[in-house]
Amino acid sequence: MQMDFDRCCNQWVTAQTIEQMKQLVARYNEDPSEENFMTVLSNCPMGIMLFMRVSTNYEQLRTIYLQRRNHRLPEWRDFCEWIKTLPYAKELIL
């Protein structure tokens, strides 16, 4: 509950949403109950950008690429563009 919402939200998250999240986190930090935790978790906007690590293989990447290359969300299209830059992508994925 130490997240800096001003830095980790993308440009489509409104200022009102960021302020509401700060208030919910402050309420949780004052009273770290299960109910307050679930309130914060359930109200997190989709636009929070988090870092994650993924372990995968070319077979899984091929499935992801075929399913998501024309996805509506730009994050998936960007990921598919990255897949195309991998060694052996032409031979195994495209």
PDB file of N, CA and C in Angstrom:
ATOM      1  N   MET A   1       0.816  -1.195   0.000  1.00  0.00           N
ATOM      2  CA  MET A   1       0.000   0.000   0.000  1.00  0.00           C
ATOM      3  C   MET A   1       0.864   1.265   0.000  1.00  0.00           C
ATOM      4  N   GLN A   2       2.042   1.138  -0.562  1.00  0.00           N
ATOM      5  CA  GLN A   2       2.970   2.276  -0.652  1.00  0.00           C
ATOM      6  C   GLN A   2       3.070   2.812  -2.070  1.00  0.00           C
ATOM      7  N   MET A   3       2.121   2.462  -2.924  1.00  0.00           N
ATOM      8  CA  MET A   3       2.187   2.813  -4.342  1.00  0.00           C
ATOM      9  C   MET A   3       1.985   4.316  -4.556  1.00  0.00           C
ATOM     10  N   ASP A   4       2.780   4.883  -5.456  1.00  0.00           N
ATOM     11  CA  ASP A   4       2.635   6.290  -5.841  1.00  0.00           C
ATOM     12  C   ASP A   4       1.725   6.337  -7.064  1.00  0.00           C
ATOM     13  N   PHE A   5       0.463   6.610  -6.851  1.00  0.00           N
ATOM     14  CA  PHE A   5      -0.512   6.569  -7.942  1.00  0.00           C
ATOM     15  C   PHE A   5      -0.269   7.638  -8.997  1.00  0.00           C
ATOM     16  N   ASP A   6       0.379   8.732  -8.631  1.00  0.00           N
ATOM     17  CA  ASP A   6       0.675   9.771  -9.621  1.00  0.00           C
ATOM     18  C   ASP A   6       1.664   9.271 -10.674  1.00  0.00           C
ATOM     19  N   ARG A   7       2.538   8.357 -10.291  1.00  0.00           N
ATOM     20  CA  ARG A   7       3.564   7.867 -11.210  1.00  0.00           C
ATOM     21  C   ARG A   7       3.181   6.567 -11.915  1.00  0.00           C
ATOM     22  N   CYS A   8       2.324   5.746 -11.306  1.00  0.00           N
ATOM     23  CA  CYS A   8       2.098   4.415 -11.864  1.00  0.00           C
ATOM     24  C   CYS A   8       0.815   4.290 -12.684  1.00  0.00           C
ATOM     25  N   CYS A   9       0.058   5.351 -12.831  1.00  0.00           N
ATOM     26  CA  CYS A   9      -1.158   5.290 -13.644  1.00  0.00           C
ATOM     27  C   CYS A   9      -0.868   5.830 -15.040  1.00  0.00           C
ATOM     28  N   ASN A  10      -1.499   5.223 -16.030  1.00  0.00           N
ATOM     29  CA  ASN A  10      -1.298   5.717 -17.389  1.00  0.00           C
ATOM     30  C   ASN A  10      -2.115   6.987 -17.628  1.00  0.00           C
ATOM     31  N   GLN A  11      -1.993   7.561 -18.821  1.00  0.00           N
ATOM     32  CA  GLN A  11      -2.580   8.875 -19.105  1.00  0.00           C
ATOM     33  C   GLN A  11      -4.104   8.860 -19.158  1.00  0.00           C
ATOM     34  N   TRP A  12      -4.736   7.701 -19.194  1.00  0.00           N
ATOM     35  CA  TRP A  12      -6.192   7.635 -19.303  1.00  0.00           C
ATOM     36  C   TRP A  12      -6.890   7.547 -17.937  1.00  0.00           C
ATOM     37  N   VAL A  13      -6.133   7.400 -16.867  1.00  0.00           N
ATOM     38  CA  VAL A  13      -6.731   7.376 -15.529  1.00  0.00           C
ATOM     39  C   VAL A  13      -6.992   8.819 -15.115  1.00  0.00           C
ATOM     40  N   THR A  14      -8.217   9.108 -14.723  1.00  0.00           N
ATOM     41  CA  THR A  14      -8.585  10.488 -14.386  1.00  0.00           C
ATOM     42  C   THR A  14      -8.003  10.901 -13.037  1.00  0.00           C
ATOM     43  N   ALA A  15      -7.860  12.201 -12.869  1.00  0.00           N
ATOM     44  CA  ALA A  15      -7.343  12.743 -11.612  1.00  0.00           C
ATOM     45  C   ALA A  15      -8.269  12.391 -10.449  1.00  0.00           C
ATOM     46  N   GLN A  16      -9.574  12.343 -10.696  1.00  0.00           N
ATOM     47  CA  GLN A  16     -10.524  11.991  -9.647  1.00  0.00           C
ATOM     48  C   GLN A  16     -10.314  10.551  -9.183  1.00  0.00           C
ATOM     49  N   THR A  17     -10.045   9.659 -10.118  1.00  0.00           N
ATOM     50  CA  THR A  17      -9.801   8.259  -9.765  1.00  0.00           C
ATOM     51  C   THR A  17      -8.535   8.126  -8.930  1.00  0.00           C
ATOM     52  N   ILE A  18      -7.496   8.849  -9.314  1.00  0.00           N
ATOM     53  CA  ILE A  18      -6.239   8.812  -8.564  1.00  0.00           C
ATOM     54  C   ILE A  18      -6.455   9.324  -7.145  1.00  0.00           C
ATOM     55  N   GLU A  19      -7.183  10.409  -7.005  1.00  0.00           N
ATOM     56  CA  GLU A  19      -7.457  10.950  -5.671  1.00  0.00           C
ATOM     57  C   GLU A  19      -8.280   9.975  -4.837  1.00  0.00           C
ATOM     58  N   GLN A  20      -9.268   9.328  -5.462  1.00  0.00           N
ATOM     59  CA  GLN A  20     -10.072   8.351  -4.730  1.00  0.00           C
ATOM     60  C   GLN A  20      -9.206   7.181  -4.253  1.00  0.00           C
ATOM     61  N   MET A  21      -8.298   6.728  -5.106  1.00  0.00           N
ATOM     62  CA  MET A  21      -7.419   5.625  -4.712  1.00  0.00           C
ATOM     63  C   MET A  21      -6.517   6.037  -3.544  1.00  0.00           C
ATOM     64  N   LYS A  22      -6.017   7.263  -3.564  1.00  0.00           N
ATOM     65  CA  LYS A  22      -5.193   7.749  -2.453  1.00  0.00           C
ATOM     66  C   LYS A  22      -5.987   7.758  -1.149  1.00  0.00           C
ATOM     67  N   GLN A  23      -7.248   8.157  -1.229  1.00  0.00           N
ATOM     68  CA  GLN A  23      -8.090   8.171  -0.035  1.00  0.00           C
ATOM     69  C   GLN A  23      -8.339   6.756   0.483  1.00  0.00           C
ATOM     70  N   LEU A  24      -8.604   5.823  -0.432  1.00  0.00           N
ATOM     71  CA  LEU A  24      -8.847   4.438  -0.026  1.00  0.00           C
ATOM     72  C   LEU A  24      -7.600   3.818   0.604  1.00  0.00           C
ATOM     73  N   VAL A  25      -6.434   4.112   0.030  1.00  0.00           N
ATOM     74  CA  VAL A  25      -5.180   3.587   0.590  1.00  0.00           C
ATOM     75  C   VAL A  25      -4.911   4.210   1.955  1.00  0.00           C
ATOM     76  N   ALA A  26      -5.178   5.497   2.103  1.00  0.00           N
ATOM     77  CA  ALA A  26      -4.990   6.144   3.403  1.00  0.00           C
ATOM     78  C   ALA A  26      -5.903   5.510   4.454  1.00  0.00           C
ATOM     79  N   ARG A  27      -7.146   5.222   4.059  1.00  0.00           N
ATOM     80  CA  ARG A  27      -8.077   4.556   4.980  1.00  0.00           C
ATOM     81  C   ARG A  27      -7.543   3.180   5.371  1.00  0.00           C
ATOM     82  N   TYR A  28      -6.988   2.456   4.384  1.00  0.00           N
ATOM     83  CA  TYR A  28      -6.416   1.134   4.688  1.00  0.00           C
ATOM     84  C   TYR A  28      -5.215   1.267   5.619  1.00  0.00           C
ATOM     85  N   ASN A  29      -4.339   2.235   5.364  1.00  0.00           N
ATOM     86  CA  ASN A  29      -3.147   2.401   6.194  1.00  0.00           C
ATOM     87  C   ASN A  29      -3.506   2.765   7.632  1.00  0.00           C
ATOM     88  N   GLU A  30      -4.610   3.481   7.840  1.00  0.00           N
ATOM     89  CA  GLU A  30      -5.071   3.803   9.189  1.00  0.00           C
ATOM     90  C   GLU A  30      -5.673   2.579   9.881  1.00  0.00           C
ATOM     91  N   ASP A  31      -6.376   1.752   9.083  1.00  0.00           N
ATOM     92  CA  ASP A  31      -7.039   0.566   9.626  1.00  0.00           C
ATOM     93  C   ASP A  31      -6.857  -0.587   8.628  1.00  0.00           C
ATOM     94  N   PRO A  32      -5.756  -1.343   8.747  1.00  0.00           N
ATOM     95  CA  PRO A  32      -5.475  -2.397   7.763  1.00  0.00           C
ATOM     96  C   PRO A  32      -6.361  -3.641   7.934  1.00  0.00           C
ATOM     97  N   SER A  33      -7.646  -3.443   7.776  1.00  0.00           N
ATOM     98  CA  SER A  33      -8.586  -4.555   7.894  1.00  0.00           C
ATOM     99  C   SER A  33      -8.757  -5.250   6.542  1.00  0.00           C
ATOM    100  N   GLU A  34      -9.299  -6.422   6.585  1.00  0.00           N
ATOM    101  CA  GLU A  34      -9.574  -7.183   5.351  1.00  0.00           C
ATOM    102  C   GLU A  34     -10.559  -6.428   4.470  1.00  0.00           C
ATOM    103  N   GLU A  35     -11.557  -5.818   5.072  1.00  0.00           N
ATOM    104  CA  GLU A  35     -12.552  -5.060   4.305  1.00  0.00           C
ATOM    105  C   GLU A  35     -11.914  -3.876   3.579  1.00  0.00           C
ATOM    106  N   ASN A  36     -11.053  -3.131   4.263  1.00  0.00           N
ATOM    107  CA  ASN A  36     -10.381  -2.001   3.616  1.00  0.00           C
ATOM    108  C   ASN A  36      -9.430  -2.471   2.522  1.00  0.00           C
ATOM    109  N   PHE A  37      -8.757  -3.585   2.759  1.00  0.00           N
ATOM    110  CA  PHE A  37      -7.872  -4.131   1.729  1.00  0.00           C
ATOM    111  C   PHE A  37      -8.661  -4.506   0.475  1.00  0.00           C
ATOM    112  N   MET A  38      -9.770  -5.196   0.662  1.00  0.00           N
ATOM    113  CA  MET A  38     -10.591  -5.611  -0.478  1.00  0.00           C
ATOM    114  C   MET A  38     -11.214  -4.412  -1.194  1.00  0.00           C
ATOM    115  N   THR A  39     -11.504  -3.352  -0.451  1.00  0.00           N
ATOM    116  CA  THR A  39     -12.025  -2.129  -1.074  1.00  0.00           C
ATOM    117  C   THR A  39     -10.969  -1.507  -1.988  1.00  0.00           C
ATOM    118  N   VAL A  40      -9.737  -1.424  -1.510  1.00  0.00           N
ATOM    119  CA  VAL A  40      -8.651  -0.888  -2.341  1.00  0.00           C
ATOM    120  C   VAL A  40      -8.451  -1.771  -3.566  1.00  0.00           C
ATOM    121  N   LEU A  41      -8.343  -3.053  -3.347  1.00  0.00           N
ATOM    122  CA  LEU A  41      -8.100  -3.986  -4.440  1.00  0.00           C
ATOM    123  C   LEU A  41      -9.208  -3.947  -5.482  1.00  0.00           C
ATOM    124  N   SER A  42     -10.444  -3.889  -5.045  1.00  0.00           N
ATOM    125  CA  SER A  42     -11.584  -3.932  -5.953  1.00  0.00           C
ATOM    126  C   SER A  42     -11.786  -2.639  -6.733  1.00  0.00           C
ATOM    127  N   ASN A  43     -11.193  -1.554  -6.268  1.00  0.00           N
ATOM    128  CA  ASN A  43     -11.372  -0.269  -6.931  1.00  0.00           C
ATOM    129  C   ASN A  43     -10.157   0.186  -7.730  1.00  0.00           C
ATOM    130  N   CYS A  44      -9.129  -0.644  -7.806  1.00  0.00           N
ATOM    131  CA  CYS A  44      -7.953  -0.274  -8.592  1.00  0.00           C
ATOM    132  C   CYS A  44      -8.319  -0.142 -10.068  1.00  0.00           C
ATOM    133  N   PRO A  45      -7.928   0.959 -10.684  1.00  0.00           N
ATOM    134  CA  PRO A  45      -8.229   1.118 -12.109  1.00  0.00           C
ATOM    135  C   PRO A  45      -7.346   0.218 -12.962  1.00  0.00           C
ATOM    136  N   MET A  46      -7.845  -0.103 -14.119  1.00  0.00           N
ATOM    137  CA  MET A  46      -7.100  -0.941 -15.051  1.00  0.00           C
ATOM    138  C   MET A  46      -5.835  -0.237 -15.550  1.00  0.00           C
ATOM    139  N   GLY A  47      -5.810   1.067 -15.437  1.00  0.00           N
ATOM    140  CA  GLY A  47      -4.695   1.847 -15.949  1.00  0.00           C
ATOM    141  C   GLY A  47      -3.480   1.910 -15.055  1.00  0.00           C
ATOM    142  N   ILE A  48      -3.426   1.100 -14.009  1.00  0.00           N
ATOM    143  CA  ILE A  48      -2.226   1.056 -13.173  1.00  0.00           C
ATOM    144  C   ILE A  48      -1.190   0.206 -13.903  1.00  0.00           C
ATOM    145  N   MET A  49      -0.031   0.795 -14.102  1.00  0.00           N
ATOM    146  CA  MET A  49       1.029   0.124 -14.835  1.00  0.00           C
ATOM    147  C   MET A  49       1.987  -0.517 -13.834  1.00  0.00           C
ATOM    148  N   LEU A  50       2.018  -1.839 -13.831  1.00  0.00           N
ATOM    149  CA  LEU A  50       2.880  -2.586 -12.928  1.00  0.00           C
ATOM    150  C   LEU A  50       3.908  -3.372 -13.720  1.00  0.00           C
ATOM    151  N   PHE A  51       5.041  -3.607 -13.112  1.00  0.00           N
ATOM    152  CA  PHE A  51       6.101  -4.399 -13.725  1.00  0.00           C
ATOM    153  C   PHE A  51       5.860  -5.860 -13.400  1.00  0.00           C
ATOM    154  N   MET A  52       6.054  -6.711 -14.388  1.00  0.00           N
ATOM    155  CA  MET A  52       5.929  -8.139 -14.124  1.00  0.00           C
ATOM    156  C   MET A  52       6.953  -8.900 -14.948  1.00  0.00           C
ATOM    157  N   ARG A  53       7.296 -10.050 -14.465  1.00  0.00           N
ATOM    158  CA  ARG A  53       8.202 -10.941 -15.184  1.00  0.00           C
ATOM    159  C   ARG A  53       7.398 -12.121 -15.695  1.00  0.00           C
ATOM    160  N   VAL A  54       7.779 -12.596 -16.871  1.00  0.00           N
ATOM    161  CA  VAL A  54       7.064 -13.712 -17.477  1.00  0.00           C
ATOM    162  C   VAL A  54       8.082 -14.722 -17.978  1.00  0.00           C
ATOM    163  N   SER A  55       7.853 -15.974 -17.667  1.00  0.00           N
ATOM    164  CA  SER A  55       8.651 -17.056 -18.240  1.00  0.00           C
ATOM    165  C   SER A  55       7.762 -17.784 -19.239  1.00  0.00           C
ATOM    166  N   THR A  56       8.236 -17.902 -20.444  1.00  0.00           N
ATOM    167  CA  THR A  56       7.418 -18.504 -21.488  1.00  0.00           C
ATOM    168  C   THR A  56       8.320 -19.210 -22.490  1.00  0.00           C
ATOM    169  N   ASN A  57       7.732 -19.763 -23.533  1.00  0.00           N
ATOM    170  CA  ASN A  57       8.507 -20.401 -24.585  1.00  0.00           C
ATOM    171  C   ASN A  57       7.920 -19.999 -25.934  1.00  0.00           C
ATOM    172  N   TYR A  58       8.567 -20.412 -27.002  1.00  0.00           N
ATOM    173  CA  TYR A  58       8.128 -19.999 -28.333  1.00  0.00           C
ATOM    174  C   TYR A  58       6.739 -20.539 -28.682  1.00  0.00           C
ATOM    175  N   GLU A  59       6.405 -21.714 -28.206  1.00  0.00           N
ATOM    176  CA  GLU A  59       5.073 -22.262 -28.492  1.00  0.00           C
ATOM    177  C   GLU A  59       3.980 -21.396 -27.858  1.00  0.00           C
ATOM    178  N   GLN A  60       4.202 -20.988 -26.633  1.00  0.00           N
ATOM    179  CA  GLN A  60       3.232 -20.124 -25.965  1.00  0.00           C
ATOM    180  C   GLN A  60       3.189 -18.741 -26.603  1.00  0.00           C
ATOM    181  N   LEU A  61       4.347 -18.221 -26.973  1.00  0.00           N
ATOM    182  CA  LEU A  61       4.394 -16.915 -27.630  1.00  0.00           C
ATOM    183  C   LEU A  61       3.671 -16.940 -28.977  1.00  0.00           C
ATOM    184  N   ARG A  62       3.765 -18.058 -29.684  1.00  0.00           N
ATOM    185  CA  ARG A  62       3.051 -18.187 -30.960  1.00  0.00           C
ATOM    186  C   ARG A  62       1.544 -18.107 -30.726  1.00  0.00           C
ATOM    187  N   THR A  63       1.059 -18.792 -29.703  1.00  0.00           N
ATOM    188  CA  THR A  63      -0.368 -18.743 -29.382  1.00  0.00           C
ATOM    189  C   THR A  63      -0.788 -17.327 -28.996  1.00  0.00           C
ATOM    190  N   ILE A  64       0.009 -16.684 -28.160  1.00  0.00           N
ATOM    191  CA  ILE A  64      -0.291 -15.306 -27.759  1.00  0.00           C
ATOM    192  C   ILE A  64      -0.328 -14.408 -28.984  1.00  0.00           C
ATOM    193  N   TYR A  65       0.677 -14.546 -29.845  1.00  0.00           N
ATOM    194  CA  TYR A  65       0.755 -13.694 -31.026  1.00  0.00           C
ATOM    195  C   TYR A  65      -0.468 -13.886 -31.924  1.00  0.00           C
ATOM    196  N   LEU A  66      -0.827 -15.119 -32.191  1.00  0.00           N
ATOM    197  CA  LEU A  66      -1.961 -15.380 -33.080  1.00  0.00           C
ATOM    198  C   LEU A  66      -3.279 -14.894 -32.487  1.00  0.00           C
ATOM    199  N   GLN A  67      -3.417 -14.958 -31.182  1.00  0.00           N
ATOM    200  CA  GLN A  67      -4.657 -14.533 -30.537  1.00  0.00           C
ATOM    201  C   GLN A  67      -4.732 -13.026 -30.304  1.00  0.00           C
ATOM    202  N   ARG A  68      -3.597 -12.365 -30.110  1.00  0.00           N
ATOM    203  CA  ARG A  68      -3.623 -10.974 -29.646  1.00  0.00           C
ATOM    204  C   ARG A  68      -3.049  -9.960 -30.620  1.00  0.00           C
ATOM    205  N   ARG A  69      -2.606 -10.356 -31.789  1.00  0.00           N
ATOM    206  CA  ARG A  69      -1.947  -9.397 -32.690  1.00  0.00           C
ATOM    207  C   ARG A  69      -2.872  -8.272 -33.133  1.00  0.00           C
ATOM    208  N   ASN A  70      -4.173  -8.488 -33.180  1.00  0.00           N
ATOM    209  CA  ASN A  70      -5.132  -7.441 -33.552  1.00  0.00           C
ATOM    210  C   ASN A  70      -6.037  -7.059 -32.387  1.00  0.00           C
ATOM    211  N   HIS A  71      -5.540  -7.240 -31.186  1.00  0.00           N
ATOM    212  CA  HIS A  71      -6.335  -6.966 -29.985  1.00  0.00           C
ATOM    213  C   HIS A  71      -6.648  -5.476 -29.874  1.00  0.00           C
ATOM    214  N   ARG A  72      -7.744  -5.175 -29.230  1.00  0.00           N
ATOM    215  CA  ARG A  72      -8.173  -3.788 -29.070  1.00  0.00           C
ATOM    216  C   ARG A  72      -7.253  -2.987 -28.153  1.00  0.00           C
ATOM    217  N   LEU A  73      -6.670  -3.631 -27.156  1.00  0.00           N
ATOM    218  CA  LEU A  73      -5.791  -2.919 -26.224  1.00  0.00           C
ATOM    219  C   LEU A  73      -4.397  -2.741 -26.826  1.00  0.00           C
ATOM    220  N   PRO A  74      -3.874  -1.528 -26.802  1.00  0.00           N
ATOM    221  CA  PRO A  74      -2.564  -1.278 -27.418  1.00  0.00           C
ATOM    222  C   PRO A  74      -1.423  -2.041 -26.759  1.00  0.00           C
ATOM    223  N   GLU A  75      -1.566  -2.385 -25.476  1.00  0.00           N
ATOM    224  CA  GLU A  75      -0.506  -3.130 -24.793  1.00  0.00           C
ATOM    225  C   GLU A  75      -0.264  -4.473 -25.462  1.00  0.00           C
ATOM    226  N   TRP A  76      -1.327  -5.144 -25.887  1.00  0.00           N
ATOM    227  CA  TRP A  76      -1.172  -6.441 -26.545  1.00  0.00           C
ATOM    228  C   TRP A  76      -0.552  -6.281 -27.924  1.00  0.00           C
ATOM    229  N   ARG A  77      -0.922  -5.246 -28.648  1.00  0.00           N
ATOM    230  CA  ARG A  77      -0.312  -5.029 -29.969  1.00  0.00           C
ATOM    231  C   ARG A  77       1.175  -4.725 -29.813  1.00  0.00           C
ATOM    232  N   ASP A  78       1.528  -3.947 -28.792  1.00  0.00           N
ATOM    233  CA  ASP A  78       2.946  -3.658 -28.531  1.00  0.00           C
ATOM    234  C   ASP A  78       3.700  -4.937 -28.176  1.00  0.00           C
ATOM    235  N   PHE A  79       3.084  -5.784 -27.363  1.00  0.00           N
ATOM    236  CA  PHE A  79       3.720  -7.049 -26.992  1.00  0.00           C
ATOM    237  C   PHE A  79       3.933  -7.920 -28.224  1.00  0.00           C
ATOM    238  N   CYS A  80       2.964  -7.953 -29.116  1.00  0.00           N
ATOM    239  CA  CYS A  80       3.103  -8.745 -30.341  1.00  0.00           C
ATOM    240  C   CYS A  80       4.194  -8.192 -31.249  1.00  0.00           C
ATOM    241  N   GLU A  81       4.350  -6.872 -31.275  1.00  0.00           N
ATOM    242  CA  GLU A  81       5.456  -6.287 -32.041  1.00  0.00           C
ATOM    243  C   GLU A  81       6.794  -6.703 -31.444  1.00  0.00           C
ATOM    244  N   TRP A  82       6.863  -6.772 -30.119  1.00  0.00           N
ATOM    245  CA  TRP A  82       8.088  -7.215 -29.467  1.00  0.00           C
ATOM    246  C   TRP A  82       8.365  -8.677 -29.801  1.00  0.00           C
ATOM    247  N   ILE A  83       7.330  -9.512 -29.812  1.00  0.00           N
ATOM    248  CA  ILE A  83       7.500 -10.932 -30.151  1.00  0.00           C
ATOM    249  C   ILE A  83       8.162 -11.070 -31.518  1.00  0.00           C
ATOM    250  N   LYS A  84       7.777 -10.221 -32.453  1.00  0.00           N
ATOM    251  CA  LYS A  84       8.331 -10.311 -33.813  1.00  0.00           C
ATOM    252  C   LYS A  84       9.818  -9.998 -33.860  1.00  0.00           C
ATOM    253  N   THR A  85      10.373  -9.362 -32.833  1.00  0.00           N
ATOM    254  CA  THR A  85      11.794  -9.022 -32.828  1.00  0.00           C
ATOM    255  C   THR A  85      12.672 -10.128 -32.252  1.00  0.00           C
ATOM    256  N   LEU A  86      12.067 -11.172 -31.698  1.00  0.00           N
ATOM    257  CA  LEU A  86      12.846 -12.233 -31.075  1.00  0.00           C
ATOM    258  C   LEU A  86      13.611 -13.057 -32.104  1.00  0.00           C
ATOM    259  N   PRO A  87      14.755 -13.623 -31.689  1.00  0.00           N
ATOM    260  CA  PRO A  87      15.463 -14.544 -32.583  1.00  0.00           C
ATOM    261  C   PRO A  87      14.552 -15.727 -32.906  1.00  0.00           C
ATOM    262  N   TYR A  88      14.570 -16.163 -34.129  1.00  0.00           N
ATOM    263  CA  TYR A  88      13.768 -17.300 -34.613  1.00  0.00           C
ATOM    264  C   TYR A  88      12.269 -17.029 -34.646  1.00  0.00           C
ATOM    265  N   ALA A  89      11.863 -15.777 -34.484  1.00  0.00           N
ATOM    266  CA  ALA A  89      10.427 -15.461 -34.535  1.00  0.00           C
ATOM    267  C   ALA A  89       9.858 -15.784 -35.906  1.00  0.00           C
ATOM    268  N   LYS A  90      10.592 -15.463 -36.959  1.00  0.00           N
ATOM    269  CA  LYS A  90      10.093 -15.751 -38.313  1.00  0.00           C
ATOM    270  C   LYS A  90       9.887 -17.240 -38.512  1.00  0.00           C
ATOM    271  N   GLU A  91      10.814 -18.038 -38.031  1.00  0.00           N
ATOM    272  CA  GLU A  91      10.747 -19.470 -38.253  1.00  0.00           C
ATOM    273  C   GLU A  91       9.707 -20.160 -37.366  1.00  0.00           C
ATOM    274  N   LEU A  92       9.550 -19.706 -36.128  1.00  0.00           N
ATOM    275  CA  LEU A  92       8.724 -20.431 -35.168  1.00  0.00           C
ATOM    276  C   LEU A  92       7.370 -19.796 -34.868  1.00  0.00           C
ATOM    277  N   ILE A  93       7.224 -18.505 -35.116  1.00  0.00           N
ATOM    278  CA  ILE A  93       6.000 -17.822 -34.704  1.00  0.00           C
ATOM    279  C   ILE A  93       5.201 -17.266 -35.872  1.00  0.00           C
ATOM    280  N   LEU A  94       5.875 -16.569 -36.775  1.00  0.00           N
ATOM    281  CA  LEU A  94       5.143 -15.853 -37.835  1.00  0.00           C
ATOM    282  C   LEU A  94       4.750 -16.732 -38.990  1.00  0.00           C
TER     283      LEU A  94
END
